[in-house]
Amino acid sequence: MKFIATISFNLYIYHHFICVKLKEFRIPFYSGDIPPNMQSNREWQWKYTILCIVVSLIVAVIKTYFVEKPLCKHIKEKSS
């Protein structure tokens, strides 16, 4: 729970943007003009959902542990 609590804000911020961009770039791939979620393509919907969750979690972890935490530590050291 502590891990999820730590990354939760970044997960909240980035998940929608990532989901929209994945669909915009047709990842996972689909052909045609009508998106698969409007055609009840369950296989594509599951792939898309899992991909959105995984990519959002990865981005949230990277942003939290490789950008925010080191930057916060640096700012605290500099101000002391």
PDB file of N, CA and C in Angstrom:
ATOM      1  N   MET A   1       0.822  -1.192   0.000  1.00  0.00           N
ATOM      2  CA  MET A   1       0.000   0.000   0.000  1.00  0.00           C
ATOM      3  C   MET A   1       0.869   1.259   0.000  1.00  0.00           C
ATOM      4  N   LYS A   2       2.013   1.193   0.695  1.00  0.00           N
ATOM      5  CA  LYS A   2       2.892   2.355   0.754  1.00  0.00           C
ATOM      6  C   LYS A   2       3.412   2.703  -0.650  1.00  0.00           C
ATOM      7  N   PHE A   3       3.737   1.656  -1.424  1.00  0.00           N
ATOM      8  CA  PHE A   3       4.209   1.870  -2.796  1.00  0.00           C
ATOM      9  C   PHE A   3       3.142   2.570  -3.641  1.00  0.00           C
ATOM     10  N   ILE A   4       1.922   2.062  -3.596  1.00  0.00           N
ATOM     11  CA  ILE A   4       0.822   2.663  -4.364  1.00  0.00           C
ATOM     12  C   ILE A   4       0.563   4.088  -3.886  1.00  0.00           C
ATOM     13  N   ALA A   5       0.605   4.301  -2.576  1.00  0.00           N
ATOM     14  CA  ALA A   5       0.393   5.650  -2.047  1.00  0.00           C
ATOM     15  C   ALA A   5       1.475   6.608  -2.533  1.00  0.00           C
ATOM     16  N   THR A   6       2.706   6.111  -2.657  1.00  0.00           N
ATOM     17  CA  THR A   6       3.811   6.960  -3.095  1.00  0.00           C
ATOM     18  C   THR A   6       3.655   7.391  -4.546  1.00  0.00           C
ATOM     19  N   ILE A   7       3.212   6.473  -5.405  1.00  0.00           N
ATOM     20  CA  ILE A   7       3.113   6.807  -6.832  1.00  0.00           C
ATOM     21  C   ILE A   7       1.719   7.271  -7.242  1.00  0.00           C
ATOM     22  N   SER A   8       0.777   7.292  -6.321  1.00  0.00           N
ATOM     23  CA  SER A   8      -0.625   7.519  -6.680  1.00  0.00           C
ATOM     24  C   SER A   8      -0.886   8.850  -7.380  1.00  0.00           C
ATOM     25  N   PHE A   9      -0.230   9.917  -6.937  1.00  0.00           N
ATOM     26  CA  PHE A   9      -0.494  11.208  -7.564  1.00  0.00           C
ATOM     27  C   PHE A   9      -0.022  11.219  -9.013  1.00  0.00           C
ATOM     28  N   ASN A  10       1.173  10.704  -9.270  1.00  0.00           N
ATOM     29  CA  ASN A  10       1.664  10.643 -10.652  1.00  0.00           C
ATOM     30  C   ASN A  10       0.832   9.693 -11.501  1.00  0.00           C
ATOM     31  N   LEU A  11       0.376   8.615 -10.895  1.00  0.00           N
ATOM     32  CA  LEU A  11      -0.499   7.696 -11.612  1.00  0.00           C
ATOM     33  C   LEU A  11      -1.796   8.405 -11.999  1.00  0.00           C
ATOM     34  N   TYR A  12      -2.341   9.147 -11.076  1.00  0.00           N
ATOM     35  CA  TYR A  12      -3.565   9.922 -11.330  1.00  0.00           C
ATOM     36  C   TYR A  12      -3.348  10.954 -12.437  1.00  0.00           C
ATOM     37  N   ILE A  13      -2.221  11.638 -12.395  1.00  0.00           N
ATOM     38  CA  ILE A  13      -1.949  12.709 -13.366  1.00  0.00           C
ATOM     39  C   ILE A  13      -1.748  12.173 -14.778  1.00  0.00           C
ATOM     40  N   TYR A  14      -1.006  11.079 -14.914  1.00  0.00           N
ATOM     41  CA  TYR A  14      -0.582  10.628 -16.241  1.00  0.00           C
ATOM     42  C   TYR A  14      -1.463   9.565 -16.886  1.00  0.00           C
ATOM     43  N   HIS A  15      -2.305   8.870 -16.135  1.00  0.00           N
ATOM     44  CA  HIS A  15      -3.016   7.736 -16.725  1.00  0.00           C
ATOM     45  C   HIS A  15      -3.938   8.131 -17.877  1.00  0.00           C
ATOM     46  N   HIS A  16      -4.655   9.209 -17.752  1.00  0.00           N
ATOM     47  CA  HIS A  16      -5.593   9.589 -18.811  1.00  0.00           C
ATOM     48  C   HIS A  16      -4.845  10.010 -20.080  1.00  0.00           C
ATOM     49  N   PHE A  17      -3.806  10.800 -19.917  1.00  0.00           N
ATOM     50  CA  PHE A  17      -3.000  11.240 -21.058  1.00  0.00           C
ATOM     51  C   PHE A  17      -2.429  10.031 -21.800  1.00  0.00           C
ATOM     52  N   ILE A  18      -1.901   9.079 -21.059  1.00  0.00           N
ATOM     53  CA  ILE A  18      -1.311   7.880 -21.667  1.00  0.00           C
ATOM     54  C   ILE A  18      -2.377   7.074 -22.413  1.00  0.00           C
ATOM     55  N   CYS A  19      -3.527   6.895 -21.812  1.00  0.00           N
ATOM     56  CA  CYS A  19      -4.609   6.140 -22.459  1.00  0.00           C
ATOM     57  C   CYS A  19      -5.061   6.807 -23.753  1.00  0.00           C
ATOM     58  N   VAL A  20      -5.194   8.103 -23.728  1.00  0.00           N
ATOM     59  CA  VAL A  20      -5.614   8.835 -24.927  1.00  0.00           C
ATOM     60  C   VAL A  20      -4.565   8.714 -26.026  1.00  0.00           C
ATOM     61  N   LYS A  21      -3.290   8.861 -25.669  1.00  0.00           N
ATOM     62  CA  LYS A  21      -2.219   8.787 -26.669  1.00  0.00           C
ATOM     63  C   LYS A  21      -2.082   7.384 -27.244  1.00  0.00           C
ATOM     64  N   LEU A  22      -2.239   6.353 -26.412  1.00  0.00           N
ATOM     65  CA  LEU A  22      -2.175   4.989 -26.934  1.00  0.00           C
ATOM     66  C   LEU A  22      -3.270   4.762 -27.971  1.00  0.00           C
ATOM     67  N   LYS A  23      -4.464   5.233 -27.678  1.00  0.00           N
ATOM     68  CA  LYS A  23      -5.570   5.062 -28.635  1.00  0.00           C
ATOM     69  C   LYS A  23      -5.332   5.899 -29.888  1.00  0.00           C
ATOM     70  N   GLU A  24      -4.813   7.105 -29.703  1.00  0.00           N
ATOM     71  CA  GLU A  24      -4.527   7.981 -30.838  1.00  0.00           C
ATOM     72  C   GLU A  24      -3.481   7.367 -31.772  1.00  0.00           C
ATOM     73  N   PHE A  25      -2.475   6.711 -31.185  1.00  0.00           N
ATOM     74  CA  PHE A  25      -1.408   6.083 -31.979  1.00  0.00           C
ATOM     75  C   PHE A  25      -1.741   4.649 -32.379  1.00  0.00           C
ATOM     76  N   ARG A  26      -2.984   4.222 -32.072  1.00  0.00           N
ATOM     77  CA  ARG A  26      -3.485   2.885 -32.425  1.00  0.00           C
ATOM     78  C   ARG A  26      -2.626   1.774 -31.821  1.00  0.00           C
ATOM     79  N   ILE A  27      -2.341   1.922 -30.561  1.00  0.00           N
ATOM     80  CA  ILE A  27      -1.600   0.902 -29.817  1.00  0.00           C
ATOM     81  C   ILE A  27      -2.549   0.342 -28.764  1.00  0.00           C
ATOM     82  N   PRO A  28      -2.875  -0.931 -28.777  1.00  0.00           N
ATOM     83  CA  PRO A  28      -2.527  -1.953 -29.759  1.00  0.00           C
ATOM     84  C   PRO A  28      -3.199  -1.667 -31.100  1.00  0.00           C
ATOM     85  N   PHE A  29      -2.556  -2.144 -32.143  1.00  0.00           N
ATOM     86  CA  PHE A  29      -2.980  -1.813 -33.503  1.00  0.00           C
ATOM     87  C   PHE A  29      -4.400  -2.278 -33.797  1.00  0.00           C
ATOM     88  N   TYR A  30      -5.094  -1.449 -34.543  1.00  0.00           N
ATOM     89  CA  TYR A  30      -6.374  -1.826 -35.122  1.00  0.00           C
ATOM     90  C   TYR A  30      -6.492  -1.122 -36.455  1.00  0.00           C
ATOM     91  N   SER A  31      -7.256  -1.721 -37.363  1.00  0.00           N
ATOM     92  CA  SER A  31      -7.444  -1.119 -38.683  1.00  0.00           C
ATOM     93  C   SER A  31      -8.874  -0.609 -38.805  1.00  0.00           C
ATOM     94  N   GLY A  32      -9.073   0.291 -39.732  1.00  0.00           N
ATOM     95  CA  GLY A  32     -10.398   0.850 -39.936  1.00  0.00           C
ATOM     96  C   GLY A  32     -10.543   2.204 -39.265  1.00  0.00           C
ATOM     97  N   ASP A  33     -11.663   2.830 -39.511  1.00  0.00           N
ATOM     98  CA  ASP A  33     -11.921   4.160 -38.977  1.00  0.00           C
ATOM     99  C   ASP A  33     -12.645   4.141 -37.627  1.00  0.00           C
ATOM    100  N   ILE A  34     -13.351   3.067 -37.336  1.00  0.00           N
ATOM    101  CA  ILE A  34     -14.112   2.979 -36.093  1.00  0.00           C
ATOM    102  C   ILE A  34     -13.251   2.280 -35.039  1.00  0.00           C
ATOM    103  N   PRO A  35     -13.008   2.928 -33.898  1.00  0.00           N
ATOM    104  CA  PRO A  35     -12.207   2.301 -32.842  1.00  0.00           C
ATOM    105  C   PRO A  35     -12.835   0.987 -32.368  1.00  0.00           C
ATOM    106  N   PRO A  36     -12.004  -0.005 -32.018  1.00  0.00           N
ATOM    107  CA  PRO A  36     -12.519  -1.318 -31.614  1.00  0.00           C
ATOM    108  C   PRO A  36     -13.434  -1.279 -30.391  1.00  0.00           C
ATOM    109  N   ASN A  37     -13.244  -0.302 -29.486  1.00  0.00           N
ATOM    110  CA  ASN A  37     -14.117  -0.253 -28.319  1.00  0.00           C
ATOM    111  C   ASN A  37     -15.544   0.109 -28.703  1.00  0.00           C
ATOM    112  N   MET A  38     -15.739   0.724 -29.855  1.00  0.00           N
ATOM    113  CA  MET A  38     -17.090   1.043 -30.327  1.00  0.00           C
ATOM    114  C   MET A  38     -17.691  -0.112 -31.124  1.00  0.00           C
ATOM    115  N   GLN A  39     -16.877  -1.137 -31.374  1.00  0.00           N
ATOM    116  CA  GLN A  39     -17.340  -2.314 -32.105  1.00  0.00           C
ATOM    117  C   GLN A  39     -17.450  -3.532 -31.197  1.00  0.00           C
ATOM    118  N   SER A  40     -17.296  -3.326 -29.910  1.00  0.00           N
ATOM    119  CA  SER A  40     -17.344  -4.410 -28.920  1.00  0.00           C
ATOM    120  C   SER A  40     -16.294  -5.488 -29.187  1.00  0.00           C
ATOM    121  N   ASN A  41     -15.101  -5.078 -29.568  1.00  0.00           N
ATOM    122  CA  ASN A  41     -13.995  -6.009 -29.774  1.00  0.00           C
ATOM    123  C   ASN A  41     -13.339  -6.267 -28.422  1.00  0.00           C
ATOM    124  N   ARG A  42     -13.802  -7.288 -27.742  1.00  0.00           N
ATOM    125  CA  ARG A  42     -13.368  -7.580 -26.374  1.00  0.00           C
ATOM    126  C   ARG A  42     -11.874  -7.884 -26.292  1.00  0.00           C
ATOM    127  N   GLU A  43     -11.320  -8.586 -27.251  1.00  0.00           N
ATOM    128  CA  GLU A  43      -9.899  -8.917 -27.227  1.00  0.00           C
ATOM    129  C   GLU A  43      -9.059  -7.639 -27.240  1.00  0.00           C
ATOM    130  N   TRP A  44      -9.384  -6.713 -28.133  1.00  0.00           N
ATOM    131  CA  TRP A  44      -8.649  -5.451 -28.202  1.00  0.00           C
ATOM    132  C   TRP A  44      -8.832  -4.658 -26.912  1.00  0.00           C
ATOM    133  N   GLN A  45     -10.049  -4.631 -26.381  1.00  0.00           N
ATOM    134  CA  GLN A  45     -10.316  -3.880 -25.160  1.00  0.00           C
ATOM    135  C   GLN A  45      -9.475  -4.380 -23.997  1.00  0.00           C
ATOM    136  N   TRP A  46      -9.316  -5.698 -23.861  1.00  0.00           N
ATOM    137  CA  TRP A  46      -8.492  -6.247 -22.780  1.00  0.00           C
ATOM    138  C   TRP A  46      -7.022  -5.883 -22.978  1.00  0.00           C
ATOM    139  N   LYS A  47      -6.548  -6.006 -24.207  1.00  0.00           N
ATOM    140  CA  LYS A  47      -5.149  -5.639 -24.492  1.00  0.00           C
ATOM    141  C   LYS A  47      -4.907  -4.169 -24.179  1.00  0.00           C
ATOM    142  N   TYR A  48      -5.826  -3.324 -24.601  1.00  0.00           N
ATOM    143  CA  TYR A  48      -5.705  -1.884 -24.384  1.00  0.00           C
ATOM    144  C   TYR A  48      -5.743  -1.547 -22.892  1.00  0.00           C
ATOM    145  N   THR A  49      -6.636  -2.151 -22.159  1.00  0.00           N
ATOM    146  CA  THR A  49      -6.760  -1.891 -20.722  1.00  0.00           C
ATOM    147  C   THR A  49      -5.493  -2.297 -19.982  1.00  0.00           C
ATOM    148  N   ILE A  50      -5.002  -3.491 -20.258  1.00  0.00           N
ATOM    149  CA  ILE A  50      -3.780  -3.965 -19.596  1.00  0.00           C
ATOM    150  C   ILE A  50      -2.595  -3.086 -19.971  1.00  0.00           C
ATOM    151  N   LEU A  51      -2.503  -2.721 -21.227  1.00  0.00           N
ATOM    152  CA  LEU A  51      -1.415  -1.857 -21.683  1.00  0.00           C
ATOM    153  C   LEU A  51      -1.477  -0.485 -21.012  1.00  0.00           C
ATOM    154  N   CYS A  52      -2.662   0.078 -20.890  1.00  0.00           N
ATOM    155  CA  CYS A  52      -2.820   1.371 -20.213  1.00  0.00           C
ATOM    156  C   CYS A  52      -2.375   1.295 -18.758  1.00  0.00           C
ATOM    157  N   ILE A  53      -2.757   0.233 -18.069  1.00  0.00           N
ATOM    158  CA  ILE A  53      -2.384   0.073 -16.665  1.00  0.00           C
ATOM    159  C   ILE A  53      -0.877  -0.073 -16.527  1.00  0.00           C
ATOM    160  N   VAL A  54      -0.277  -0.938 -17.334  1.00  0.00           N
ATOM    161  CA  VAL A  54       1.160  -1.200 -17.235  1.00  0.00           C
ATOM    162  C   VAL A  54       1.972   0.046 -17.574  1.00  0.00           C
ATOM    163  N   VAL A  55       1.660   0.696 -18.675  1.00  0.00           N
ATOM    164  CA  VAL A  55       2.414   1.885 -19.079  1.00  0.00           C
ATOM    165  C   VAL A  55       2.231   3.010 -18.064  1.00  0.00           C
ATOM    166  N   SER A  56       1.036   3.194 -17.560  1.00  0.00           N
ATOM    167  CA  SER A  56       0.790   4.232 -16.554  1.00  0.00           C
ATOM    168  C   SER A  56       1.576   3.969 -15.276  1.00  0.00           C
ATOM    169  N   LEU A  57       1.616   2.719 -14.842  1.00  0.00           N
ATOM    170  CA  LEU A  57       2.395   2.375 -13.656  1.00  0.00           C
ATOM    171  C   LEU A  57       3.890   2.627 -13.878  1.00  0.00           C
ATOM    172  N   ILE A  58       4.393   2.248 -15.035  1.00  0.00           N
ATOM    173  CA  ILE A  58       5.815   2.456 -15.338  1.00  0.00           C
ATOM    174  C   ILE A  58       6.152   3.939 -15.340  1.00  0.00           C
ATOM    175  N   VAL A  59       5.340   4.735 -15.994  1.00  0.00           N
ATOM    176  CA  VAL A  59       5.585   6.182 -16.043  1.00  0.00           C
ATOM    177  C   VAL A  59       5.504   6.791 -14.640  1.00  0.00           C
ATOM    178  N   ALA A  60       4.538   6.375 -13.855  1.00  0.00           N
ATOM    179  CA  ALA A  60       4.396   6.907 -12.495  1.00  0.00           C
ATOM    180  C   ALA A  60       5.607   6.551 -11.630  1.00  0.00           C
ATOM    181  N   VAL A  61       6.092   5.328 -11.750  1.00  0.00           N
ATOM    182  CA  VAL A  61       7.266   4.905 -10.979  1.00  0.00           C
ATOM    183  C   VAL A  61       8.499   5.695 -11.409  1.00  0.00           C
ATOM    184  N   ILE A  62       8.718   5.823 -12.698  1.00  0.00           N
ATOM    185  CA  ILE A  62       9.875   6.576 -13.195  1.00  0.00           C
ATOM    186  C   ILE A  62       9.806   8.025 -12.745  1.00  0.00           C
ATOM    187  N   LYS A  63       8.664   8.636 -12.905  1.00  0.00           N
ATOM    188  CA  LYS A  63       8.497  10.038 -12.522  1.00  0.00           C
ATOM    189  C   LYS A  63       8.707  10.232 -11.016  1.00  0.00           C
ATOM    190  N   THR A  64       8.191   9.317 -10.202  1.00  0.00           N
ATOM    191  CA  THR A  64       8.298   9.453  -8.754  1.00  0.00           C
ATOM    192  C   THR A  64       9.708   9.181  -8.254  1.00  0.00           C
ATOM    193  N   TYR A  65      10.273   8.029  -8.630  1.00  0.00           N
ATOM    194  CA  TYR A  65      11.540   7.597  -8.049  1.00  0.00           C
ATOM    195  C   TYR A  65      12.782   8.126  -8.763  1.00  0.00           C
ATOM    196  N   PHE A  66      12.663   8.551 -10.009  1.00  0.00           N
ATOM    197  CA  PHE A  66      13.836   9.020 -10.740  1.00  0.00           C
ATOM    198  C   PHE A  66      13.822  10.515 -11.021  1.00  0.00           C
ATOM    199  N   VAL A  67      12.702  11.179 -10.747  1.00  0.00           N
ATOM    200  CA  VAL A  67      12.641  12.627 -10.950  1.00  0.00           C
ATOM    201  C   VAL A  67      12.289  13.334  -9.640  1.00  0.00           C
ATOM    202  N   GLU A  68      11.126  13.055  -9.104  1.00  0.00           N
ATOM    203  CA  GLU A  68      10.652  13.811  -7.944  1.00  0.00           C
ATOM    204  C   GLU A  68      11.453  13.560  -6.671  1.00  0.00           C
ATOM    205  N   LYS A  69      11.659  12.295  -6.322  1.00  0.00           N
ATOM    206  CA  LYS A  69      12.380  12.001  -5.078  1.00  0.00           C
ATOM    207  C   LYS A  69      13.820  12.525  -5.110  1.00  0.00           C
ATOM    208  N   PRO A  70      14.602  12.286  -6.179  1.00  0.00           N
ATOM    209  CA  PRO A  70      15.956  12.853  -6.210  1.00  0.00           C
ATOM    210  C   PRO A  70      15.957  14.382  -6.196  1.00  0.00           C
ATOM    211  N   LEU A  71      15.013  14.990  -6.890  1.00  0.00           N
ATOM    212  CA  LEU A  71      14.933  16.445  -6.913  1.00  0.00           C
ATOM    213  C   LEU A  71      14.585  16.990  -5.534  1.00  0.00           C
ATOM    214  N   CYS A  72      13.668  16.342  -4.851  1.00  0.00           N
ATOM    215  CA  CYS A  72      13.288  16.743  -3.492  1.00  0.00           C
ATOM    216  C   CYS A  72      14.488  16.623  -2.549  1.00  0.00           C
ATOM    217  N   LYS A  73      15.234  15.541  -2.664  1.00  0.00           N
ATOM    218  CA  LYS A  73      16.417  15.337  -1.836  1.00  0.00           C
ATOM    219  C   LYS A  73      17.448  16.423  -2.120  1.00  0.00           C
ATOM    220  N   HIS A  74      17.648  16.738  -3.371  1.00  0.00           N
ATOM    221  CA  HIS A  74      18.604  17.781  -3.774  1.00  0.00           C
ATOM    222  C   HIS A  74      18.185  19.142  -3.216  1.00  0.00           C
ATOM    223  N   ILE A  75      16.932  19.470  -3.294  1.00  0.00           N
ATOM    224  CA  ILE A  75      16.427  20.750  -2.792  1.00  0.00           C
ATOM    225  C   ILE A  75      16.590  20.827  -1.270  1.00  0.00           C
ATOM    226  N   LYS A  76      16.300  19.737  -0.576  1.00  0.00           N
ATOM    227  CA  LYS A  76      16.461  19.721   0.879  1.00  0.00           C
ATOM    228  C   LYS A  76      17.925  19.906   1.280  1.00  0.00           C
ATOM    229  N   GLU A  77      18.840  19.250   0.571  1.00  0.00           N
ATOM    230  CA  GLU A  77      20.269  19.382   0.868  1.00  0.00           C
ATOM    231  C   GLU A  77      20.759  20.799   0.592  1.00  0.00           C
ATOM    232  N   LYS A  78      20.260  21.372  -0.461  1.00  0.00           N
ATOM    233  CA  LYS A  78      20.683  22.720  -0.861  1.00  0.00           C
ATOM    234  C   LYS A  78      20.181  23.780   0.130  1.00  0.00           C
ATOM    235  N   SER A  79      19.000  23.564   0.681  1.00  0.00           N
ATOM    236  CA  SER A  79      18.430  24.543   1.594  1.00  0.00           C
ATOM    237  C   SER A  79      19.000  24.430   3.014  1.00  0.00           C
ATOM    238  N   SER A  80      19.638  23.336   3.332  1.00  0.00           N
ATOM    239  CA  SER A  80      20.199  23.157   4.681  1.00  0.00           C
ATOM    240  C   SER A  80      21.555  23.782   4.837  1.00  0.00           C
TER     241      SER A  80
END
